[in-house]
Protein backbone atom coordinates (compact mmCIF):
# COMPACT_ATOMS: atom_id res chain seq x y z
CA UNK A 1 -15.73 -11.82 2.87
CA UNK A 2 -12.58 -10.82 1.02
CA UNK A 3 -13.06 -13.66 -1.45
CA UNK A 4 -16.63 -12.65 -2.24
CA UNK A 5 -15.51 -9.07 -2.80
CA UNK A 6 -12.78 -10.31 -5.12
CA UNK A 7 -15.32 -12.22 -7.20
CA UNK A 8 -17.54 -9.17 -7.50
CA UNK A 9 -14.57 -7.03 -8.50
CA UNK A 10 -13.49 -9.59 -11.10
CA UNK A 11 -16.98 -9.67 -12.61
CA UNK A 12 -17.18 -5.89 -12.57
CA UNK A 13 -13.77 -5.69 -14.24
CA UNK A 14 -14.91 -7.98 -17.00
CA UNK A 15 -17.97 -5.79 -17.54
CA UNK A 16 -15.81 -2.67 -17.51
CA UNK A 17 -13.53 -4.06 -20.18
CA UNK A 18 -16.44 -5.07 -22.35
CA UNK A 19 -17.91 -1.60 -22.00
CA UNK A 20 -14.57 0.00 -22.72
CA UNK A 21 -14.41 -1.84 -26.02
CA UNK A 22 -17.64 -0.10 -27.05
CA UNK A 23 -16.10 3.26 -26.17
CA UNK A 24 -12.81 2.83 -28.00
CA UNK A 25 -13.76 5.24 -30.80
CA UNK A 26 -13.32 8.20 -28.43
CA UNK A 27 -10.03 10.05 -28.59
CA UNK A 28 -7.82 12.06 -26.27
CA UNK A 29 -9.66 15.21 -27.38
CA UNK A 30 -12.19 14.30 -24.74
CA UNK A 31 -15.82 15.21 -24.29
CA UNK A 32 -17.46 18.63 -24.43
CA UNK A 33 -16.18 21.08 -21.85
CA UNK A 34 -18.38 21.80 -18.84
CA UNK A 35 -17.86 24.89 -16.70
CA UNK A 36 -19.25 26.17 -13.43
CA UNK A 37 -21.07 29.46 -12.97
CA UNK A 38 -17.79 31.18 -12.10
CA UNK A 39 -16.03 29.85 -15.20
CA UNK A 40 -14.10 26.95 -13.69
CA UNK A 41 -13.72 23.70 -15.61
CA UNK A 42 -15.74 20.92 -13.97
CA UNK A 43 -13.84 17.69 -13.39
CA UNK A 44 -15.68 14.62 -12.13
CA UNK A 45 -13.11 13.05 -9.82
CA UNK A 46 -13.24 9.59 -8.26
CA UNK A 47 -11.16 9.29 -5.10
CA UNK A 48 -11.02 7.67 -1.64
CA UNK A 49 -11.75 9.81 1.40
CA UNK A 50 -11.52 8.88 5.07
CA UNK A 51 -14.15 9.72 7.66
CA UNK A 52 -12.46 12.96 8.73
CA UNK A 53 -12.17 14.34 5.19
CA UNK A 54 -14.80 16.31 3.31
CA UNK A 55 -13.22 17.01 -0.05
CA UNK A 56 -15.84 19.62 -0.91
CA UNK A 57 -14.70 21.84 1.98
CA UNK A 58 -11.09 20.64 2.18
CA UNK A 59 -8.45 23.40 2.37
CA UNK A 60 -6.31 21.92 -0.42
CA UNK A 61 -9.36 21.48 -2.64
CA UNK A 62 -9.95 25.22 -2.37
CA UNK A 63 -6.30 26.03 -3.11
CA UNK A 64 -6.20 23.79 -6.19
CA UNK A 65 -9.62 24.95 -7.32
CA UNK A 66 -8.61 28.61 -7.21
CA UNK A 67 -5.12 28.12 -8.62
CA UNK A 68 -6.11 25.96 -11.59
CA UNK A 69 -9.72 27.10 -12.12
CA UNK A 70 -11.12 23.64 -11.39
CA UNK A 71 -14.52 22.84 -9.94
CA UNK A 72 -14.13 19.32 -8.54
CA UNK A 73 -17.23 17.15 -8.59
CA UNK A 74 -16.14 14.44 -6.20
CA UNK A 75 -17.19 10.81 -6.31
CA UNK A 76 -15.77 9.47 -3.07
CA UNK A 77 -15.26 5.97 -1.80
CA UNK A 78 -14.05 4.40 1.42
CA UNK A 79 -10.50 3.78 2.64
CA UNK A 80 -11.43 0.09 2.92
CA UNK A 81 -9.56 -1.43 -0.02
CA UNK A 82 -12.03 -4.16 -0.99
CA UNK A 83 -15.16 -2.01 -1.25
CA UNK A 84 -13.15 0.87 -2.76
CA UNK A 85 -11.86 -1.28 -5.64
CA UNK A 86 -15.30 -2.78 -6.08
CA UNK A 87 -16.90 0.66 -6.44
CA UNK A 88 -14.19 1.73 -8.90
CA UNK A 89 -14.78 -1.31 -11.09
CA UNK A 90 -18.55 -1.00 -10.94
CA UNK A 91 -18.24 2.63 -12.10
CA UNK A 92 -16.28 1.42 -15.12
CA UNK A 93 -18.67 -1.43 -15.81
CA UNK A 94 -21.70 0.85 -15.72
CA UNK A 95 -20.18 3.36 -18.12
CA UNK A 96 -20.73 6.10 -15.53
CA UNK A 97 -17.06 6.57 -14.80
CA UNK A 98 -15.42 9.94 -14.03
CA UNK A 99 -13.16 12.32 -15.92
CA UNK A 100 -10.35 11.58 -13.48
CA UNK A 101 -9.42 8.67 -11.25
CA UNK A 102 -7.34 10.16 -8.42
CA UNK A 103 -6.49 7.23 -6.17
CA UNK A 104 -4.29 6.03 -3.30
CA UNK A 105 -1.79 3.19 -3.92
CA UNK A 106 -2.61 1.02 -0.95
CA UNK A 107 -6.38 1.41 -1.36
CA UNK A 108 -7.60 1.22 -4.95
CA UNK A 109 -4.76 1.81 -7.41
CA UNK A 110 -4.99 0.30 -10.87
CA UNK A 111 -2.71 -2.58 -11.79
CA UNK A 112 -0.54 -2.64 -14.92
CA UNK A 113 -2.92 -5.09 -16.59
CA UNK A 114 -5.90 -2.82 -15.88
CA UNK A 115 -4.06 0.25 -17.16
CA UNK A 116 -3.06 -1.53 -20.37
CA UNK A 117 -6.55 -2.77 -21.07
CA UNK A 118 -8.22 0.57 -20.36
CA UNK A 119 -5.61 2.36 -22.45
CA UNK A 120 -5.96 0.06 -25.41
CA UNK A 121 -9.73 0.34 -25.31
CA UNK A 122 -9.74 4.12 -25.25
CA UNK A 123 -10.98 4.68 -21.71
CA UNK A 124 -7.62 5.91 -20.37
CA UNK A 125 -6.29 9.00 -22.16
CA UNK A 126 -2.59 8.99 -23.19
CA UNK A 127 -0.77 11.54 -21.06
CA UNK A 128 2.65 11.95 -22.66
CA UNK A 129 1.79 14.93 -24.92
CA UNK A 130 -0.23 16.57 -22.15
CA UNK A 131 2.82 16.23 -19.91
CA UNK A 132 5.26 17.51 -22.51
CA UNK A 133 3.14 20.57 -23.27
CA UNK A 134 1.90 21.42 -19.76
CA UNK A 135 3.86 19.65 -17.02
CA UNK A 136 7.60 20.45 -16.84
CA UNK A 137 7.99 19.04 -13.32
CA UNK A 138 6.52 15.69 -14.30
CA UNK A 139 8.57 15.65 -17.50
CA UNK A 140 11.75 16.26 -15.51
CA UNK A 141 11.01 13.28 -13.28
CA UNK A 142 10.33 11.08 -16.31
CA UNK A 143 13.62 12.23 -17.84
CA UNK A 144 15.74 11.75 -14.71
CA UNK A 145 14.14 8.85 -12.81
CA UNK A 146 14.60 5.73 -14.95
CA UNK A 147 12.56 3.51 -12.66
CA UNK A 148 9.64 5.91 -12.58
CA UNK A 149 9.64 6.15 -16.36
CA UNK A 150 9.71 2.34 -16.63
CA UNK A 151 6.72 2.15 -14.32
CA UNK A 152 4.78 4.85 -16.15
CA UNK A 153 5.38 3.89 -19.77
CA UNK A 154 3.33 1.09 -21.31
CA UNK A 155 4.85 -1.28 -23.91
CA UNK A 156 3.24 0.71 -26.75
CA UNK A 157 5.06 3.85 -25.61
CA UNK A 158 2.03 5.59 -24.12
CA UNK A 159 1.60 6.80 -20.56
CA UNK A 160 -1.99 5.91 -19.74
CA UNK A 161 -1.74 6.52 -15.99
CA UNK A 162 0.84 7.71 -13.49
CA UNK A 163 1.96 6.01 -10.29
CA UNK A 164 2.93 7.83 -7.15
CA UNK A 165 6.57 7.84 -6.11
CA UNK A 166 7.02 7.75 -2.36
CA UNK A 167 10.60 6.81 -1.62
CA UNK A 168 9.85 6.11 2.00
CA UNK A 169 12.61 4.20 3.81
CA UNK A 170 10.36 2.66 6.43
CA UNK A 171 7.77 1.68 3.78
CA UNK A 172 10.45 -0.18 1.81
CA UNK A 173 10.46 -2.75 4.62
CA UNK A 174 6.75 -3.19 5.40
CA UNK A 175 6.82 -6.50 7.27
CA UNK A 176 7.32 -5.26 10.82
CA UNK A 177 6.22 -6.46 14.24
CA UNK A 178 5.64 -4.01 17.11
CA UNK A 179 5.87 -5.54 20.58
CA UNK A 180 5.04 -4.24 24.05
CA UNK A 181 8.50 -3.64 25.53
CA UNK A 182 7.00 -2.62 28.88
CA UNK A 183 5.47 -6.07 29.17
CA UNK A 184 8.77 -7.71 28.20
CA UNK A 185 10.58 -5.78 30.92
CA UNK A 186 7.95 -6.54 33.53
CA UNK A 187 8.10 -10.28 32.78
CA UNK A 188 11.90 -10.36 32.56
CA UNK A 189 11.88 -11.33 28.89
CA UNK A 190 14.19 -10.39 26.05
CA UNK A 191 13.15 -9.20 22.61
CA UNK A 192 12.47 -12.44 20.71
CA UNK A 193 15.09 -13.45 18.16
CA UNK A 194 13.72 -16.77 16.96
CA UNK A 195 10.33 -18.29 16.26
CA UNK A 196 10.66 -20.32 19.46
CA UNK A 197 11.44 -17.15 21.42
CA UNK A 198 8.35 -15.46 20.05
CA UNK A 199 6.11 -18.36 21.04
CA UNK A 200 7.43 -18.21 24.62
CA UNK A 201 6.89 -14.45 24.77
CA UNK A 202 3.32 -14.72 23.48
CA UNK A 203 2.57 -17.51 25.96
CA UNK A 204 3.83 -15.29 28.78
CA UNK A 205 1.73 -12.36 27.54
CA UNK A 206 -1.33 -14.62 27.58
CA UNK A 207 -0.85 -16.24 30.96
CA UNK A 208 1.19 -13.95 33.24
CA UNK A 209 -1.00 -10.84 33.44
CA UNK A 210 1.57 -8.34 32.15
CA UNK A 211 -0.90 -5.41 32.32
CA UNK A 212 -1.36 -6.15 36.01
CA UNK A 213 -5.13 -5.85 36.27
CA UNK A 214 -5.75 -9.40 37.46
CA UNK A 215 -7.73 -10.28 34.36
CA UNK A 216 -6.92 -12.57 31.47
CA UNK A 217 -7.67 -9.81 28.96
CA UNK A 218 -4.30 -9.63 27.23
CA UNK A 219 -4.19 -10.22 23.47
CA UNK A 220 -0.75 -11.65 22.65
CA UNK A 221 -0.90 -10.82 18.91
CA UNK A 222 -3.48 -9.27 16.64
CA UNK A 223 -3.84 -7.05 13.59
CA UNK A 224 -6.48 -5.96 11.09
CA UNK A 225 -7.28 -7.21 7.60
CA UNK A 226 -6.41 -3.96 5.86
CA UNK A 227 -2.98 -3.37 7.40
CA UNK A 228 -1.79 -6.82 8.37
CA UNK A 229 1.72 -8.12 7.83
CA UNK A 230 1.07 -11.02 10.21
CA UNK A 231 1.52 -13.90 7.77
CA UNK A 232 4.41 -12.17 6.01
CA UNK A 233 6.36 -11.32 9.16
CA UNK A 234 6.09 -14.84 10.53
CA UNK A 235 6.49 -16.59 7.18
CA UNK A 236 9.78 -14.80 6.51
CA UNK A 237 11.41 -16.95 9.19
CA UNK A 238 10.65 -19.98 7.00
CA UNK A 239 10.39 -18.78 3.38
CA UNK A 240 10.79 -15.45 1.63
CA UNK A 241 7.33 -13.87 1.43
CA UNK A 242 7.42 -11.37 -1.45
CA UNK A 243 5.75 -7.97 -1.37
CA UNK A 244 3.37 -7.29 -4.25
CA UNK A 245 3.69 -4.76 -7.03
CA UNK A 246 0.34 -3.29 -6.01
CA UNK A 247 0.26 -2.10 -2.41
CA UNK A 248 -1.84 -4.20 -0.06
CA UNK A 249 -1.66 -7.35 -2.21
CA UNK A 250 1.17 -9.81 -1.61
CA UNK A 251 3.07 -11.12 -4.58
CA UNK A 252 2.99 -14.79 -5.55
CA UNK A 253 6.30 -14.54 -7.40
CA UNK A 254 9.99 -14.85 -6.59
CA UNK A 255 13.11 -15.54 -8.62
CA UNK A 256 15.30 -18.62 -8.60
CA UNK A 257 18.17 -17.28 -10.65
CA UNK A 258 16.38 -16.00 -13.73
CA UNK A 259 13.50 -18.41 -13.37
CA UNK A 260 10.17 -17.05 -12.15
CA UNK A 261 8.75 -19.30 -9.44
CA UNK A 262 6.19 -19.18 -6.64
CA UNK A 263 7.05 -19.84 -3.00
CA UNK A 264 3.50 -20.74 -1.93
CA UNK A 265 3.83 -24.45 -2.82
CA UNK A 266 7.19 -25.06 -1.13
CA UNK A 267 7.81 -27.25 1.90
CA UNK A 268 9.20 -24.19 3.67
CA UNK A 269 5.93 -22.34 3.07
CA UNK A 270 4.03 -25.29 4.48
CA UNK A 271 6.22 -25.22 7.60
CA UNK A 272 5.58 -21.52 7.99
CA UNK A 273 1.83 -22.06 7.86
CA UNK A 274 2.18 -24.88 10.39
CA UNK A 275 3.94 -22.53 12.80
CA UNK A 276 1.32 -19.80 12.39
CA UNK A 277 -1.48 -22.35 12.81
CA UNK A 278 0.09 -23.50 16.06
CA UNK A 279 0.08 -19.97 17.45
CA UNK A 280 -3.53 -19.49 16.36
CA UNK A 281 -4.68 -22.83 17.78
CA UNK A 282 -3.16 -22.02 21.17
CA UNK A 283 -4.86 -18.63 21.36
CA UNK A 284 -1.66 -16.66 20.88
CA UNK A 285 -3.03 -15.01 17.74
CA UNK A 286 -6.37 -13.27 18.18
CA UNK A 287 -9.18 -14.81 16.12
CA UNK A 288 -10.26 -11.31 15.10
CA UNK A 289 -6.88 -10.70 13.43
CA UNK A 290 -8.17 -12.14 10.15
CA UNK A 291 -11.58 -10.46 10.13
CA UNK A 292 -11.54 -7.09 11.92
CA UNK A 293 -11.09 -3.71 10.28
CA UNK A 294 -8.74 -0.87 11.21
CA UNK A 295 -11.28 0.81 13.49
CA UNK A 296 -11.73 -2.36 15.51
CA UNK A 297 -7.97 -2.72 15.93
CA UNK A 298 -7.71 0.88 17.11
CA UNK A 299 -10.45 0.20 19.65
CA UNK A 300 -8.39 -2.68 21.04
CA UNK A 301 -5.22 -0.61 21.16
CA UNK A 302 -6.95 2.32 22.85
CA UNK A 303 -9.01 0.22 25.29
CA UNK A 304 -9.71 2.72 28.10
CA UNK A 305 -9.82 0.02 30.79
CA UNK A 306 -6.33 -1.41 30.21
CA UNK A 307 -3.48 -1.88 27.78
CA UNK A 308 -4.33 -5.22 26.20
CA UNK A 309 -2.19 -5.53 23.07
CA UNK A 310 1.04 -7.49 23.30
CA UNK A 311 2.21 -7.35 19.69
CA UNK A 312 0.88 -6.12 16.37
CA UNK A 313 2.39 -6.88 12.93
CA UNK A 314 1.69 -3.69 10.93
CA UNK A 315 3.77 -0.99 9.24
CA UNK A 316 3.74 1.54 12.09
CA UNK A 317 2.29 1.81 15.62
CA UNK A 318 -0.21 4.60 14.89
CA UNK A 319 -2.29 1.99 13.08
CA UNK A 320 -3.21 0.32 16.37
CA UNK A 321 -2.71 2.91 19.11
CA UNK A 322 -3.25 6.65 19.44
CA UNK A 323 0.09 8.46 19.33
CA UNK A 324 0.76 10.85 22.20
CA UNK A 325 -1.93 9.04 24.18
CA UNK A 326 -2.60 10.47 27.64
CA UNK A 327 -1.36 7.39 29.50
CA UNK A 328 1.72 7.04 27.28
CA UNK A 329 0.80 3.55 26.11
CA UNK A 330 1.99 4.30 22.57
CA UNK A 331 5.54 4.59 23.94
CA UNK A 332 5.45 0.97 25.06
CA UNK A 333 5.85 -0.50 21.56
CA UNK A 334 9.12 -1.17 19.76
CA UNK A 335 9.94 -3.01 16.56
CA UNK A 336 11.13 -6.61 16.63
CA UNK A 337 13.81 -7.45 14.04
CA UNK A 338 13.11 -10.30 11.61
CA UNK A 339 12.91 -13.61 13.41
CA UNK A 340 15.21 -16.53 12.68
CA UNK A 341 13.42 -19.78 11.89
CA UNK A 342 14.40 -23.38 12.60
CA UNK A 343 16.43 -23.62 9.39
CA UNK A 344 18.29 -20.37 10.06
CA UNK A 345 16.28 -18.23 7.63
CA UNK A 346 15.61 -14.62 8.54
CA UNK A 347 14.05 -12.69 5.66
CA UNK A 348 12.02 -9.54 5.40
CA UNK A 349 9.82 -8.28 2.60
CA UNK A 350 11.28 -5.69 0.23
CA UNK A 351 9.14 -3.12 -1.54
CA UNK A 352 10.85 -0.75 -3.97
CA UNK A 353 9.74 1.70 -5.06
CA UNK A 354 7.37 1.95 -2.16
CA UNK A 355 4.31 3.34 -3.92
CA UNK A 356 3.16 1.10 -6.73
CA UNK A 357 -0.02 0.81 -8.69
CA UNK A 358 -1.45 3.57 -10.87
CA UNK A 359 -3.29 6.42 -9.20
CA UNK A 360 -3.75 9.26 -11.71
CA UNK A 361 -5.78 8.37 -14.80
CA UNK A 362 -7.68 10.73 -17.08
CA UNK A 363 -10.50 9.12 -19.02
CA UNK A 364 -12.18 9.83 -22.34
CA UNK A 365 -15.00 11.50 -20.41
CA UNK A 366 -12.67 14.45 -19.69
CA UNK A 367 -12.76 17.47 -21.99
CA UNK A 368 -9.50 18.83 -23.37
CA UNK A 369 -9.79 21.74 -20.94
CA UNK A 370 -10.27 19.33 -18.05
CA UNK A 371 -7.28 17.28 -19.13
CA UNK A 372 -5.00 20.32 -19.25
CA UNK A 373 -6.22 21.69 -15.90
CA UNK A 374 -5.80 18.29 -14.20
CA UNK A 375 -2.28 17.69 -15.50
CA UNK A 376 -1.21 21.22 -14.51
CA UNK A 377 -2.55 20.58 -11.02
CA UNK A 378 -0.58 17.33 -10.80
CA UNK A 379 2.53 19.08 -12.12
CA UNK A 380 2.26 21.55 -9.25
CA UNK A 381 2.09 18.65 -6.80
CA UNK A 382 5.35 17.36 -8.30
CA UNK A 383 7.10 20.52 -7.04
CA UNK A 384 8.34 20.78 -3.45
CA UNK A 385 5.97 23.66 -2.66
CA UNK A 386 3.01 21.90 -4.26
CA UNK A 387 3.73 18.68 -2.44
CA UNK A 388 4.10 20.38 0.92
CA UNK A 389 0.76 22.13 0.50
CA UNK A 390 -1.07 19.15 -1.00
CA UNK A 391 0.16 16.54 1.47
CA UNK A 392 0.20 18.67 4.63
CA UNK A 393 -2.07 21.65 3.98
CA UNK A 394 -1.48 25.41 3.82
CA UNK A 395 1.73 26.85 5.22
CA UNK A 396 1.25 27.92 8.82
CA UNK A 397 -1.56 25.42 9.28
CA UNK A 398 -0.14 22.07 8.17
CA UNK A 399 3.56 22.93 8.11
CA UNK A 400 6.02 25.69 8.87
CA UNK A 401 9.38 26.75 7.53
CA UNK A 402 12.35 25.49 9.58
CA UNK A 403 13.78 27.60 12.39
CA UNK A 404 17.40 28.02 13.39
CA UNK A 405 18.50 24.88 15.22
CA UNK A 406 15.92 22.55 13.65
CA UNK A 407 17.36 19.19 12.60
CA UNK A 408 16.23 17.24 9.55
CA UNK A 409 15.55 13.51 9.61
CA UNK A 410 18.89 13.15 7.84
CA UNK A 411 21.12 15.40 9.94
CA UNK A 412 23.37 16.08 6.94
CA UNK A 413 20.42 17.49 4.97
CA UNK A 414 19.25 21.11 5.06
CA UNK A 415 15.76 21.21 6.62
CA UNK A 416 12.98 22.13 4.21
CA UNK A 417 9.76 21.93 6.22
CA UNK A 418 8.46 21.26 9.71
CA UNK A 419 5.13 19.39 9.77
CA UNK A 420 2.61 20.69 12.31
CA UNK A 421 1.77 18.08 14.90
CA UNK A 422 -1.92 17.32 15.41
CA UNK A 423 -3.03 19.76 12.69
CA UNK A 424 -6.70 20.60 12.15
CA UNK A 425 -8.72 18.02 10.25
CA UNK A 426 -9.64 18.35 6.60
CA UNK A 427 -6.76 20.64 5.66
CA UNK A 428 -4.80 18.40 3.27
CA UNK A 429 -4.98 15.65 0.65
CA UNK A 430 -2.40 13.47 2.40
CA UNK A 431 -1.58 10.24 0.57
CA UNK A 432 -3.46 11.40 -2.53
CA UNK A 433 -0.61 13.79 -3.27
CA UNK A 434 2.60 11.81 -2.68
CA UNK A 435 3.73 11.90 -6.31
CA UNK A 436 7.33 13.09 -6.11
CA UNK A 437 8.03 12.09 -2.55
CA UNK A 438 11.75 11.43 -3.01
CA UNK A 439 14.15 10.28 -0.34
CA UNK A 440 15.81 13.70 -0.41
CA UNK A 441 12.44 15.39 0.16
CA UNK A 442 11.46 13.07 3.02
CA UNK A 443 14.84 13.32 4.69
CA UNK A 444 14.60 17.14 4.64
CA UNK A 445 11.68 17.30 7.06
CA UNK A 446 12.32 18.56 10.57
CA UNK A 447 11.99 15.72 13.11
CA UNK A 448 12.57 16.00 16.87
CA UNK A 449 15.14 13.71 18.43
CA UNK A 450 12.67 12.21 20.92
CA UNK A 451 11.33 9.25 18.92
CA UNK A 452 8.47 8.47 21.32
CA UNK A 453 6.56 11.66 20.64
CA UNK A 454 4.10 12.01 17.82
CA UNK A 455 6.37 14.63 16.32
CA UNK A 456 9.29 12.20 16.45
CA UNK A 457 7.41 9.38 14.71
CA UNK A 458 9.35 9.59 11.45
CA UNK A 459 12.65 9.20 13.31
CA UNK A 460 11.18 6.34 15.33
CA UNK A 461 10.27 4.55 12.10
CA UNK A 462 13.60 5.44 10.50
CA UNK A 463 15.56 3.91 13.36
CA UNK A 464 13.28 0.88 13.66
CA UNK A 465 13.62 0.11 9.98
CA UNK A 466 17.40 -0.12 10.19
CA UNK A 467 16.82 -3.42 12.02
CA UNK A 468 15.15 -4.85 8.90
CA UNK A 469 17.53 -3.45 6.31
CA UNK A 470 19.81 -6.19 5.02
CA UNK A 471 17.35 -9.03 5.68
CA UNK A 472 15.82 -8.68 2.22
CA UNK A 473 16.97 -11.22 -0.37
CA UNK A 474 17.28 -9.20 -3.56
CA UNK A 475 18.27 -12.29 -5.49
CA UNK A 476 14.73 -13.58 -4.98
CA UNK A 477 13.03 -10.21 -5.50
CA UNK A 478 10.86 -10.13 -8.61
CA UNK A 479 10.86 -6.58 -10.12
CA UNK A 480 7.19 -6.66 -11.02
CA UNK A 481 6.68 -2.91 -10.69
CA UNK A 482 8.99 -2.22 -13.63
CA UNK A 483 7.68 -4.87 -16.01
CA UNK A 484 4.69 -4.71 -18.31
CA UNK A 485 2.95 -7.84 -19.55
CA UNK A 486 2.32 -8.51 -23.23
CA UNK A 487 -0.62 -6.20 -24.04
CA UNK A 488 -2.50 -9.05 -25.70
CA UNK A 489 -2.24 -11.02 -22.45
CA UNK A 490 -3.10 -8.24 -19.98
CA UNK A 491 -6.73 -9.27 -19.57
CA UNK A 492 -5.81 -12.91 -19.05
CA UNK A 493 -3.11 -11.92 -16.57
CA UNK A 494 -5.50 -9.75 -14.55
CA UNK A 495 -7.98 -12.61 -14.28
CA UNK A 496 -5.29 -15.11 -13.32
CA UNK A 497 -3.87 -12.77 -10.70
CA UNK A 498 -7.27 -12.15 -9.12
CA UNK A 499 -8.18 -15.83 -9.08
CA UNK A 500 -4.82 -16.98 -7.74
CA UNK A 501 -4.67 -14.32 -5.02
CA UNK A 502 -8.17 -15.27 -3.90
CA UNK A 503 -7.35 -18.98 -3.94
CA UNK A 504 -4.09 -18.59 -1.99
CA UNK A 505 -5.62 -16.20 0.57
CA UNK A 506 -8.60 -18.48 1.18
CA UNK A 507 -6.44 -21.57 1.63
CA UNK A 508 -3.84 -19.87 3.81
CA UNK A 509 -6.56 -18.73 6.19
CA UNK A 510 -8.11 -22.19 6.12
CA UNK A 511 -4.80 -23.82 7.07
CA UNK A 512 -4.08 -21.24 9.77
CA UNK A 513 -7.52 -21.40 11.39
CA UNK A 514 -7.71 -25.19 11.09
CA UNK A 515 -10.68 -25.55 8.77
CA UNK A 516 -8.23 -27.36 6.49
CA UNK A 517 -5.46 -29.68 7.58
CA UNK A 518 -1.87 -29.19 6.46
CA UNK A 519 -1.39 -32.94 6.88
CA UNK A 520 -4.30 -34.10 4.73
CA UNK A 521 -5.28 -31.15 2.50
CA UNK A 522 -1.93 -29.71 1.40
CA UNK A 523 -1.53 -31.83 -1.73
CA UNK A 524 -5.03 -30.92 -2.87
CA UNK A 525 -4.22 -27.24 -2.34
CA UNK A 526 -1.08 -27.50 -4.48
CA UNK A 527 -2.96 -29.37 -7.19
CA UNK A 528 -5.72 -26.75 -7.07
CA UNK A 529 -3.18 -24.02 -7.81
CA UNK A 530 -2.47 -25.71 -11.14
CA UNK A 531 -6.14 -25.84 -12.07
CA UNK A 532 -6.54 -22.20 -10.97
CA UNK A 533 -3.91 -21.20 -13.50
CA UNK A 534 -0.55 -20.99 -11.72
CA UNK A 535 1.49 -22.60 -14.56
CA UNK A 536 0.11 -20.11 -17.07
CA UNK A 537 0.60 -17.21 -14.64
CA UNK A 538 4.25 -18.16 -14.21
CA UNK A 539 4.68 -18.52 -17.96
CA UNK A 540 3.32 -15.03 -18.72
CA UNK A 541 5.45 -13.45 -16.02
CA UNK A 542 8.52 -15.35 -17.20
CA UNK A 543 8.04 -13.89 -20.67
CA UNK A 544 7.69 -10.38 -19.21
CA UNK A 545 10.80 -10.87 -17.06
CA UNK A 546 12.85 -12.13 -20.00
CA UNK A 547 11.89 -9.01 -21.99
CA UNK A 548 12.73 -6.79 -19.02
CA UNK A 549 16.13 -8.44 -18.62
CA UNK A 550 16.84 -7.97 -22.32
CA UNK A 551 16.12 -4.25 -21.99
CA UNK A 552 12.97 -4.23 -24.11
CA UNK A 553 9.26 -4.06 -23.42
């Protein structure tokens, strides 16, 4: 299913780029202004929205609408990354695209190649003058955060789109495994340290009835397609599995010294797939792990008849179980440090900065008035007050000011805000608004000391992540987020990246599930990577890396 979606997206992207070429005569002055009956500038805005969010009635929408005289005309899409990206690309291909793309990194953010192409063809409006004239908070970040400026500025000097910046410690190490510690204790088992240990634990979860209901209903390991770090967590005991520069998509690139290489053809990678296949073949990995969505995983984790999940490789436990659940099952799960493989390797993925991809893009459909109103709104979100309101909701509803005795996540930091636990629905923009989410800002939130409450989640994740810190191999880390490809090659690079990701994902799943044999089909897989364009992909990225190392774009 994912591969078919990728093909549709690739075709839609090609159509979008062709259409954009026809529109390149438009300038940053934008289209004619359109206003509502009460004099607000109308901005057609394309954005994801989850099932509990109605952006038309959302509390933050009203605040932003009143403050900046904006009438949002929302074009919403799902939180499911594949369909969301597909809808975005089809909008571009049809020519019926919005004034503003306002996206979420891990759902449907634009890649560098897409931003370059849309900027060059006149669809994306350059933002640097708008920012200089109207957005002092954004300008300050560009002037003081070198990495953010590198991410935002295209090789031709323009800023065609802005990424979020969410300097989230626990997100920097996304390849986690959460295991049922209650089951470990009941069965007299230790937290697994090696790949062999994990196999023994999963076998015990499957066969020894750790939930005590007399039924063989335990699921030793599972995940969902959208949030999975299953392959990455397990692979890192064999070969370094790099995190991608666009959230939700793994990278195919690592460094060997200053040479850009791919790990997905190595013998170590093959051994990692062999190990994962063995777990799958023996029923220790749920078959649904590679097909089910987030809602299905939640249904497993919240099964009212019994606790059935033994381990789940995802970023945080709220993905698979309701926090503060009535029976306390969410307290049963703790993070497992990176495993050590048979050759002594024990890596973890490293993702810095944590929010990548481009999420704020004004198009040539936006009037000048719309452009100014939108950038002023974003500038407000870059302030502490604006971010607190936009991400959490109005003061007193989504967050409160700290009280005497409140302790920040970083105890040495003065508390700034105390998020309301279990706030009303539809009161904030959440991940849409994490644009200047610095480490200092995150560490200033009030967090209770009890890590197993919903209110203590951030501290739970903070402490869990310390077990992964230091397992990253920065010598192999490819700084893709800070590098821009040659503009003349951006379209080719986007196509290569889509095709190679699809090819690798399809073949990895085939090897894991057994529809292809690692003994007889591996060589054909490696050869197929060449014909799919891997040598050219490496060459283009090597050129970009060499320019980055030399200090030029």
